[in-house]
PDB file of N, CA and C in Angstrom:
ATOM      1  N   MET A   1    -170.205  53.281 126.726  1.00  0.00           N
ATOM      2  CA  MET A   1    -168.917  53.914 126.886  1.00  0.00           C
ATOM      3  C   MET A   1    -168.514  54.573 125.584  1.00  0.00           C
ATOM      4  N   ASP A   2    -168.454  55.844 125.628  1.00  0.00           N
ATOM      5  CA  ASP A   2    -168.086  56.602 124.437  1.00  0.00           C
ATOM      6  C   ASP A   2    -166.629  57.009 124.544  1.00  0.00           C
ATOM      7  N   GLN A   3    -165.794  56.422 123.697  1.00  0.00           N
ATOM      8  CA  GLN A   3    -164.377  56.765 123.684  1.00  0.00           C
ATOM      9  C   GLN A   3    -164.055  57.447 122.371  1.00  0.00           C
ATOM     10  N   ASN A   4    -163.402  58.562 122.453  1.00  0.00           N
ATOM     11  CA  ASN A   4    -163.028  59.325 121.258  1.00  0.00           C
ATOM     12  C   ASN A   4    -161.605  58.971 120.862  1.00  0.00           C
ATOM     13  N   LEU A   5    -161.436  57.796 120.305  1.00  0.00           N
ATOM     14  CA  LEU A   5    -160.125  57.357 119.838  1.00  0.00           C
ATOM     15  C   LEU A   5    -160.109  57.383 118.327  1.00  0.00           C
ATOM     16  N   SER A   6    -159.012  57.836 117.793  1.00  0.00           N
ATOM     17  CA  SER A   6    -158.893  57.812 116.348  1.00  0.00           C
ATOM     18  C   SER A   6    -158.717  56.366 115.890  1.00  0.00           C
ATOM     19  N   PRO A   7    -159.083  56.032 114.679  1.00  0.00           N
ATOM     20  CA  PRO A   7    -159.030  54.639 114.224  1.00  0.00           C
ATOM     21  C   PRO A   7    -157.612  54.076 114.148  1.00  0.00           C
ATOM     22  N   GLU A   8    -156.586  54.919 113.975  1.00  0.00           N
ATOM     23  CA  GLU A   8    -155.234  54.379 113.851  1.00  0.00           C
ATOM     24  C   GLU A   8    -154.579  54.123 115.208  1.00  0.00           C
ATOM     25  N   VAL A   9    -155.163  54.538 116.303  1.00  0.00           N
ATOM     26  CA  VAL A   9    -154.591  54.326 117.624  1.00  0.00           C
ATOM     27  C   VAL A   9    -155.252  53.109 118.259  1.00  0.00           C
ATOM     28  N   ASP A  10    -154.458  52.087 118.529  1.00  0.00           N
ATOM     29  CA  ASP A  10    -154.946  50.888 119.193  1.00  0.00           C
ATOM     30  C   ASP A  10    -154.594  50.991 120.669  1.00  0.00           C
ATOM     31  N   PRO A  11    -155.563  50.972 121.575  1.00  0.00           N
ATOM     32  CA  PRO A  11    -155.242  51.127 122.995  1.00  0.00           C
ATOM     33  C   PRO A  11    -154.459  49.948 123.575  1.00  0.00           C
ATOM     34  N   GLN A  12    -154.433  48.817 122.908  1.00  0.00           N
ATOM     35  CA  GLN A  12    -153.726  47.646 123.404  1.00  0.00           C
ATOM     36  C   GLN A  12    -152.235  47.657 123.056  1.00  0.00           C
ATOM     37  N   VAL A  13    -151.835  48.448 122.053  1.00  0.00           N
ATOM     38  CA  VAL A  13    -150.439  48.470 121.600  1.00  0.00           C
ATOM     39  C   VAL A  13    -149.786  49.762 122.058  1.00  0.00           C
ATOM     40  N   ASP A  14    -148.666  49.631 122.711  1.00  0.00           N
ATOM     41  CA  ASP A  14    -147.906  50.787 123.168  1.00  0.00           C
ATOM     42  C   ASP A  14    -146.777  51.025 122.183  1.00  0.00           C
ATOM     43  N   ASN A  15    -146.853  52.136 121.446  1.00  0.00           N
ATOM     44  CA  ASN A  15    -145.857  52.457 120.431  1.00  0.00           C
ATOM     45  C   ASN A  15    -144.848  53.492 120.920  1.00  0.00           C
ATOM     46  N   SER A  16    -144.731  53.674 122.215  1.00  0.00           N
ATOM     47  CA  SER A  16    -143.815  54.681 122.746  1.00  0.00           C
ATOM     48  C   SER A  16    -142.365  54.210 122.567  1.00  0.00           C
ATOM     49  N   PRO A  17    -141.425  55.134 122.578  1.00  0.00           N
ATOM     50  CA  PRO A  17    -140.006  54.753 122.453  1.00  0.00           C
ATOM     51  C   PRO A  17    -139.542  53.853 123.595  1.00  0.00           C
ATOM     52  N   VAL A  18    -140.132  54.017 124.762  1.00  0.00           N
ATOM     53  CA  VAL A  18    -139.750  53.177 125.895  1.00  0.00           C
ATOM     54  C   VAL A  18    -140.164  51.734 125.631  1.00  0.00           C
ATOM     55  N   ALA A  19    -141.363  51.534 125.102  1.00  0.00           N
ATOM     56  CA  ALA A  19    -141.831  50.176 124.802  1.00  0.00           C
ATOM     57  C   ALA A  19    -140.991  49.543 123.706  1.00  0.00           C
ATOM     58  N   GLU A  20    -140.556  50.348 122.737  1.00  0.00           N
ATOM     59  CA  GLU A  20    -139.703  49.805 121.678  1.00  0.00           C
ATOM     60  C   GLU A  20    -138.336  49.420 122.232  1.00  0.00           C
ATOM     61  N   LYS A  21    -137.835  50.149 123.203  1.00  0.00           N
ATOM     62  CA  LYS A  21    -136.529  49.851 123.793  1.00  0.00           C
ATOM     63  C   LYS A  21    -136.583  48.596 124.651  1.00  0.00           C
ATOM     64  N   LEU A  22    -137.746  48.257 125.189  1.00  0.00           N
ATOM     65  CA  LEU A  22    -137.867  47.089 126.044  1.00  0.00           C
ATOM     66  C   LEU A  22    -137.802  45.772 125.277  1.00  0.00           C
ATOM     67  N   SER A  23    -137.982  45.826 123.990  1.00  0.00           N
ATOM     68  CA  SER A  23    -137.867  44.598 123.208  1.00  0.00           C
ATOM     69  C   SER A  23    -136.409  44.419 122.785  1.00  0.00           C
ATOM     70  N   PHE A  24    -135.811  43.295 123.172  1.00  0.00           N
ATOM     71  CA  PHE A  24    -134.410  43.040 122.863  1.00  0.00           C
ATOM     72  C   PHE A  24    -134.214  41.545 122.659  1.00  0.00           C
ATOM     73  N   THR A  25    -133.070  41.209 122.099  1.00  0.00           N
ATOM     74  CA  THR A  25    -132.784  39.812 121.800  1.00  0.00           C
ATOM     75  C   THR A  25    -132.096  39.150 122.990  1.00  0.00           C
ATOM     76  N   LEU A  26    -131.974  37.855 122.925  1.00  0.00           N
ATOM     77  CA  LEU A  26    -131.323  37.102 123.984  1.00  0.00           C
ATOM     78  C   LEU A  26    -129.848  37.479 124.099  1.00  0.00           C
ATOM     79  N   GLU A  27    -129.186  37.708 122.983  1.00  0.00           N
ATOM     80  CA  GLU A  27    -127.779  38.091 122.990  1.00  0.00           C
ATOM     81  C   GLU A  27    -127.589  39.450 123.656  1.00  0.00           C
ATOM     82  N   GLU A  28    -128.495  40.402 123.358  1.00  0.00           N
ATOM     83  CA  GLU A  28    -128.414  41.716 123.999  1.00  0.00           C
ATOM     84  C   GLU A  28    -128.627  41.589 125.506  1.00  0.00           C
ATOM     85  N   TRP A  29    -129.574  40.752 125.899  1.00  0.00           N
ATOM     86  CA  TRP A  29    -129.846  40.545 127.320  1.00  0.00           C
ATOM     87  C   TRP A  29    -128.649  39.929 128.024  1.00  0.00           C
ATOM     88  N   GLU A  30    -128.028  38.936 127.404  1.00  0.00           N
ATOM     89  CA  GLU A  30    -126.846  38.311 127.995  1.00  0.00           C
ATOM     90  C   GLU A  30    -125.687  39.297 128.098  1.00  0.00           C
ATOM     91  N   ALA A  31    -125.530  40.160 127.098  1.00  0.00           N
ATOM     92  CA  ALA A  31    -124.469  41.167 127.136  1.00  0.00           C
ATOM     93  C   ALA A  31    -124.725  42.168 128.257  1.00  0.00           C
ATOM     94  N   GLU A  32    -125.970  42.598 128.417  1.00  0.00           N
ATOM     95  CA  GLU A  32    -126.311  43.527 129.501  1.00  0.00           C
ATOM     96  C   GLU A  32    -126.104  42.874 130.865  1.00  0.00           C
ATOM     97  N   LEU A  33    -126.446  41.603 130.983  1.00  0.00           N
ATOM     98  CA  LEU A  33    -126.262  40.883 132.240  1.00  0.00           C
ATOM     99  C   LEU A  33    -124.775  40.753 132.569  1.00  0.00           C
ATOM    100  N   ALA A  34    -123.969  40.428 131.578  1.00  0.00           N
ATOM    101  CA  ALA A  34    -122.525  40.312 131.792  1.00  0.00           C
ATOM    102  C   ALA A  34    -121.932  41.660 132.197  1.00  0.00           C
ATOM    103  N   GLU A  35    -122.397  42.737 131.581  1.00  0.00           N
ATOM    104  CA  GLU A  35    -121.914  44.075 131.930  1.00  0.00           C
ATOM    105  C   GLU A  35    -122.301  44.427 133.367  1.00  0.00           C
ATOM    106  N   ALA A  36    -123.515  44.104 133.772  1.00  0.00           N
ATOM    107  CA  ALA A  36    -123.954  44.384 135.142  1.00  0.00           C
ATOM    108  C   ALA A  36    -123.154  43.563 136.151  1.00  0.00           C
ATOM    109  N   GLU A  37    -122.874  42.310 135.821  1.00  0.00           N
ATOM    110  CA  GLU A  37    -122.054  41.485 136.713  1.00  0.00           C
ATOM    111  C   GLU A  37    -120.643  42.037 136.838  1.00  0.00           C
ATOM    112  N   ARG A  38    -120.076  42.498 135.737  1.00  0.00           N
ATOM    113  CA  ARG A  38    -118.732  43.068 135.752  1.00  0.00           C
ATOM    114  C   ARG A  38    -118.698  44.336 136.599  1.00  0.00           C
ATOM    115  N   LYS A  39    -119.704  45.190 136.430  1.00  0.00           N
ATOM    116  CA  LYS A  39    -119.762  46.421 137.215  1.00  0.00           C
ATOM    117  C   LYS A  39    -119.924  46.109 138.703  1.00  0.00           C
ATOM    118  N   GLY A  40    -120.739  45.129 139.035  1.00  0.00           N
ATOM    119  CA  GLY A  40    -120.915  44.741 140.435  1.00  0.00           C
ATOM    120  C   GLY A  40    -119.645  44.182 141.030  1.00  0.00           C
ATOM    121  N   TYR A  41    -118.932  43.373 140.252  1.00  0.00           N
ATOM    122  CA  TYR A  41    -117.663  42.817 140.716  1.00  0.00           C
ATOM    123  C   TYR A  41    -116.652  43.931 140.988  1.00  0.00           C
ATOM    124  N   LEU A  42    -116.530  44.865 140.048  1.00  0.00           N
ATOM    125  CA  LEU A  42    -115.573  45.962 140.212  1.00  0.00           C
ATOM    126  C   LEU A  42    -115.948  46.854 141.386  1.00  0.00           C
ATOM    127  N   LYS A  43    -117.238  47.090 141.571  1.00  0.00           N
ATOM    128  CA  LYS A  43    -117.680  47.919 142.694  1.00  0.00           C
ATOM    129  C   LYS A  43    -117.329  47.249 144.020  1.00  0.00           C
ATOM    130  N   GLY A  44    -117.560  45.955 144.123  1.00  0.00           N
ATOM    131  CA  GLY A  44    -117.223  45.225 145.343  1.00  0.00           C
ATOM    132  C   GLY A  44    -115.729  45.172 145.587  1.00  0.00           C
ATOM    133  N   ARG A  45    -114.971  44.962 144.533  1.00  0.00           N
ATOM    134  CA  ARG A  45    -113.510  44.917 144.662  1.00  0.00           C
ATOM    135  C   ARG A  45    -112.954  46.264 145.094  1.00  0.00           C
ATOM    136  N   ASN A  46    -113.434  47.338 144.470  1.00  0.00           N
ATOM    137  CA  ASN A  46    -112.963  48.671 144.824  1.00  0.00           C
ATOM    138  C   ASN A  46    -113.371  49.045 146.242  1.00  0.00           C
ATOM    139  N   SER A  47    -114.530  48.621 146.665  1.00  0.00           N
ATOM    140  CA  SER A  47    -114.971  48.881 148.035  1.00  0.00           C
ATOM    141  C   SER A  47    -114.068  48.169 149.034  1.00  0.00           C
ATOM    142  N   ARG A  48    -113.700  46.938 148.749  1.00  0.00           N
ATOM    143  CA  ARG A  48    -112.815  46.184 149.635  1.00  0.00           C
ATOM    144  C   ARG A  48    -111.418  46.801 149.685  1.00  0.00           C
ATOM    145  N   ILE A  49    -110.918  47.251 148.554  1.00  0.00           N
ATOM    146  CA  ILE A  49    -109.607  47.901 148.512  1.00  0.00           C
ATOM    147  C   ILE A  49    -109.645  49.184 149.336  1.00  0.00           C
ATOM    148  N   GLN A  50    -110.728  49.940 149.234  1.00  0.00           N
ATOM    149  CA  GLN A  50    -110.858  51.169 150.003  1.00  0.00           C
ATOM    150  C   GLN A  50    -110.884  50.863 151.504  1.00  0.00           C
ATOM    151  N   GLN A  51    -111.537  49.795 151.912  1.00  0.00           N
ATOM    152  CA  GLN A  51    -111.555  49.408 153.323  1.00  0.00           C
ATOM    153  C   GLN A  51    -110.155  49.022 153.794  1.00  0.00           C
ATOM    154  N   LEU A  52    -109.417  48.290 152.975  1.00  0.00           N
ATOM    155  CA  LEU A  52    -108.070  47.890 153.354  1.00  0.00           C
ATOM    156  C   LEU A  52    -107.132  49.088 153.465  1.00  0.00           C
ATOM    157  N   ARG A  53    -107.302  50.063 152.579  1.00  0.00           N
ATOM    158  CA  ARG A  53    -106.442  51.252 152.623  1.00  0.00           C
ATOM    159  C   ARG A  53    -106.749  52.126 153.824  1.00  0.00           C
ATOM    160  N   ALA A  54    -107.956  52.054 154.343  1.00  0.00           N
ATOM    161  CA  ALA A  54    -108.324  52.859 155.505  1.00  0.00           C
ATOM    162  C   ALA A  54    -107.693  52.313 156.784  1.00  0.00           C
ATOM    163  N   GLN A  55    -107.292  51.055 156.780  1.00  0.00           N
ATOM    164  CA  GLN A  55    -106.672  50.459 157.958  1.00  0.00           C
ATOM    165  C   GLN A  55    -105.221  50.920 158.070  1.00  0.00           C
ATOM    166  N   PRO A  56    -104.699  50.981 159.301  1.00  0.00           N
ATOM    167  CA  PRO A  56    -103.293  51.376 159.453  1.00  0.00           C
ATOM    168  C   PRO A  56    -102.361  50.312 158.884  1.00  0.00           C
ATOM    169  N   GLY A  57    -101.194  50.750 158.451  1.00  0.00           N
ATOM    170  CA  GLY A  57    -100.202  49.849 157.878  1.00  0.00           C
ATOM    171  C   GLY A  57     -99.502  49.028 158.939  1.00  0.00           C
ATOM    172  N   ILE A  58     -98.517  48.257 158.528  1.00  0.00           N
ATOM    173  CA  ILE A  58     -97.821  47.343 159.428  1.00  0.00           C
ATOM    174  C   ILE A  58     -97.101  48.093 160.542  1.00  0.00           C
ATOM    175  N   PHE A  59     -96.380  49.153 160.206  1.00  0.00           N
ATOM    176  CA  PHE A  59     -95.595  49.875 161.197  1.00  0.00           C
ATOM    177  C   PHE A  59     -96.265  51.169 161.646  1.00  0.00           C
ATOM    178  N   GLU A  60     -97.519  51.363 161.292  1.00  0.00           N
ATOM    179  CA  GLU A  60     -98.231  52.564 161.704  1.00  0.00           C
ATOM    180  C   GLU A  60     -98.877  52.361 163.067  1.00  0.00           C
ATOM    181  N   ASN A  61     -99.024  53.458 163.788  1.00  0.00           N
ATOM    182  CA  ASN A  61     -99.674  53.418 165.088  1.00  0.00           C
ATOM    183  C   ASN A  61    -101.179  53.265 164.865  1.00  0.00           C
ATOM    184  N   ALA A  62    -101.747  52.172 165.307  1.00  0.00           N
ATOM    185  CA  ALA A  62    -103.163  51.887 165.065  1.00  0.00           C
ATOM    186  C   ALA A  62    -104.075  52.766 165.905  1.00  0.00           C
ATOM    187  N   THR A  63    -103.563  53.356 166.980  1.00  0.00           N
ATOM    188  CA  THR A  63    -104.414  54.186 167.830  1.00  0.00           C
ATOM    189  C   THR A  63    -104.472  55.625 167.363  1.00  0.00           C
ATOM    190  N   ALA A  64    -103.563  56.063 166.499  1.00  0.00           N
ATOM    191  CA  ALA A  64    -103.589  57.439 165.987  1.00  0.00           C
ATOM    192  C   ALA A  64    -104.769  57.596 165.041  1.00  0.00           C
ATOM    193  N   ALA A  65    -105.532  58.655 165.245  1.00  0.00           N
ATOM    194  CA  ALA A  65    -106.776  58.806 164.482  1.00  0.00           C
ATOM    195  C   ALA A  65    -106.561  59.456 163.122  1.00  0.00           C
ATOM    196  N   THR A  66    -105.672  60.426 163.030  1.00  0.00           N
ATOM    197  CA  THR A  66    -105.505  61.147 161.774  1.00  0.00           C
ATOM    198  C   THR A  66    -104.094  60.953 161.239  1.00  0.00           C
ATOM    199  N   ILE A  67    -103.913  61.339 160.011  1.00  0.00           N
ATOM    200  CA  ILE A  67    -102.600  61.225 159.372  1.00  0.00           C
ATOM    201  C   ILE A  67    -101.594  62.131 160.081  1.00  0.00           C
ATOM    202  N   GLU A  68    -102.044  63.337 160.466  1.00  0.00           N
ATOM    203  CA  GLU A  68    -101.145  64.253 161.158  1.00  0.00           C
ATOM    204  C   GLU A  68    -100.670  63.645 162.476  1.00  0.00           C
ATOM    205  N   GLN A  69    -101.571  62.999 163.201  1.00  0.00           N
ATOM    206  CA  GLN A  69    -101.192  62.365 164.455  1.00  0.00           C
ATOM    207  C   GLN A  69    -100.254  61.185 164.203  1.00  0.00           C
ATOM    208  N   ARG A  70    -100.483  60.462 163.143  1.00  0.00           N
ATOM    209  CA  ARG A  70     -99.600  59.335 162.815  1.00  0.00           C
ATOM    210  C   ARG A  70     -98.202  59.821 162.473  1.00  0.00           C
ATOM    211  N   LEU A  71     -98.130  60.930 161.727  1.00  0.00           N
ATOM    212  CA  LEU A  71     -96.817  61.466 161.354  1.00  0.00           C
ATOM    213  C   LEU A  71     -96.107  62.091 162.548  1.00  0.00           C
ATOM    214  N   ALA A  72     -96.853  62.672 163.472  1.00  0.00           N
ATOM    215  CA  ALA A  72     -96.251  63.323 164.630  1.00  0.00           C
ATOM    216  C   ALA A  72     -95.790  62.315 165.672  1.00  0.00           C
ATOM    217  N   SER A  73     -96.450  61.182 165.774  1.00  0.00           N
ATOM    218  CA  SER A  73     -96.085  60.200 166.796  1.00  0.00           C
ATOM    219  C   SER A  73     -94.844  59.425 166.353  1.00  0.00           C
ATOM    220  N   PRO A  74     -93.926  59.184 167.297  1.00  0.00           N
ATOM    221  CA  PRO A  74     -92.727  58.432 166.928  1.00  0.00           C
ATOM    222  C   PRO A  74     -93.065  56.963 166.657  1.00  0.00           C
ATOM    223  N   SER A  75     -92.375  56.406 165.714  1.00  0.00           N
ATOM    224  CA  SER A  75     -92.585  55.011 165.362  1.00  0.00           C
ATOM    225  C   SER A  75     -91.886  54.118 166.378  1.00  0.00           C
ATOM    226  N   SER A  76     -92.505  53.047 166.744  1.00  0.00           N
ATOM    227  CA  SER A  76     -91.885  52.121 167.692  1.00  0.00           C
ATOM    228  C   SER A  76     -90.872  51.210 167.000  1.00  0.00           C
ATOM    229  N   PHE A  77     -90.741  51.365 165.714  1.00  0.00           N
ATOM    230  CA  PHE A  77     -89.824  50.525 164.950  1.00  0.00           C
ATOM    231  C   PHE A  77     -88.364  50.770 165.364  1.00  0.00           C
ATOM    232  N   LEU A  78     -87.981  52.013 165.539  1.00  0.00           N
ATOM    233  CA  LEU A  78     -86.602  52.353 165.919  1.00  0.00           C
ATOM    234  C   LEU A  78     -86.523  52.943 167.324  1.00  0.00           C
ATOM    235  N   ALA A  79     -87.572  52.832 168.108  1.00  0.00           N
ATOM    236  CA  ALA A  79     -87.597  53.465 169.432  1.00  0.00           C
ATOM    237  C   ALA A  79     -86.643  52.789 170.407  1.00  0.00           C
ATOM    238  N   ASN A  80     -86.446  51.502 170.366  1.00  0.00           N
ATOM    239  CA  ASN A  80     -85.621  50.776 171.332  1.00  0.00           C
ATOM    240  C   ASN A  80     -84.303  50.315 170.720  1.00  0.00           C
ATOM    241  N   ARG A  81     -83.675  51.178 169.969  1.00  0.00           N
ATOM    242  CA  ARG A  81     -82.432  50.826 169.296  1.00  0.00           C
ATOM    243  C   ARG A  81     -81.278  50.876 170.293  1.00  0.00           C
ATOM    244  N   ARG A  82     -80.494  49.841 170.295  1.00  0.00           N
ATOM    245  CA  ARG A  82     -79.319  49.779 171.186  1.00  0.00           C
ATOM    246  C   ARG A  82     -78.211  50.655 170.635  1.00  0.00           C
ATOM    247  N   PRO A  83     -77.447  51.286 171.499  1.00  0.00           N
ATOM    248  CA  PRO A  83     -76.347  52.108 171.015  1.00  0.00           C
ATOM    249  C   PRO A  83     -75.267  51.236 170.375  1.00  0.00           C
ATOM    250  N   SER A  84     -74.679  51.730 169.338  1.00  0.00           N
ATOM    251  CA  SER A  84     -73.623  50.991 168.666  1.00  0.00           C
ATOM    252  C   SER A  84     -72.269  51.370 169.257  1.00  0.00           C
ATOM    253  N   VAL A  85     -71.236  50.745 168.802  1.00  0.00           N
ATOM    254  CA  VAL A  85     -69.888  51.031 169.306  1.00  0.00           C
ATOM    255  C   VAL A  85     -69.417  52.404 168.848  1.00  0.00           C
ATOM    256  N   TRP A  86     -69.999  52.979 167.836  1.00  0.00           N
ATOM    257  CA  TRP A  86     -69.575  54.257 167.285  1.00  0.00           C
ATOM    258  C   TRP A  86     -70.207  55.418 168.016  1.00  0.00           C
ATOM    259  N   GLU A  87     -71.156  55.173 168.886  1.00  0.00           N
ATOM    260  CA  GLU A  87     -71.826  56.279 169.575  1.00  0.00           C
ATOM    261  C   GLU A  87     -71.208  56.537 170.909  1.00  0.00           C
TER     262      GLU A  87
END
């Protein structure tokens, strides 16, 4: 096997910037893990908030599909109001 490698290049050692970046300390690893956990928590929380906001409110018509339909439909909150003595 004839390999034309220069004497200063060792095929077993990877001196690329990516290989240098892969070496890190335990503290750096723990910090990266904590950051990933925080990002995952925030992503899940924001996703849940978005799901809750998509649901109709307490006095909103749950069958209305769009905001325009919700605004156009009368609310049942004051629909059955009894007449007062002043009317």
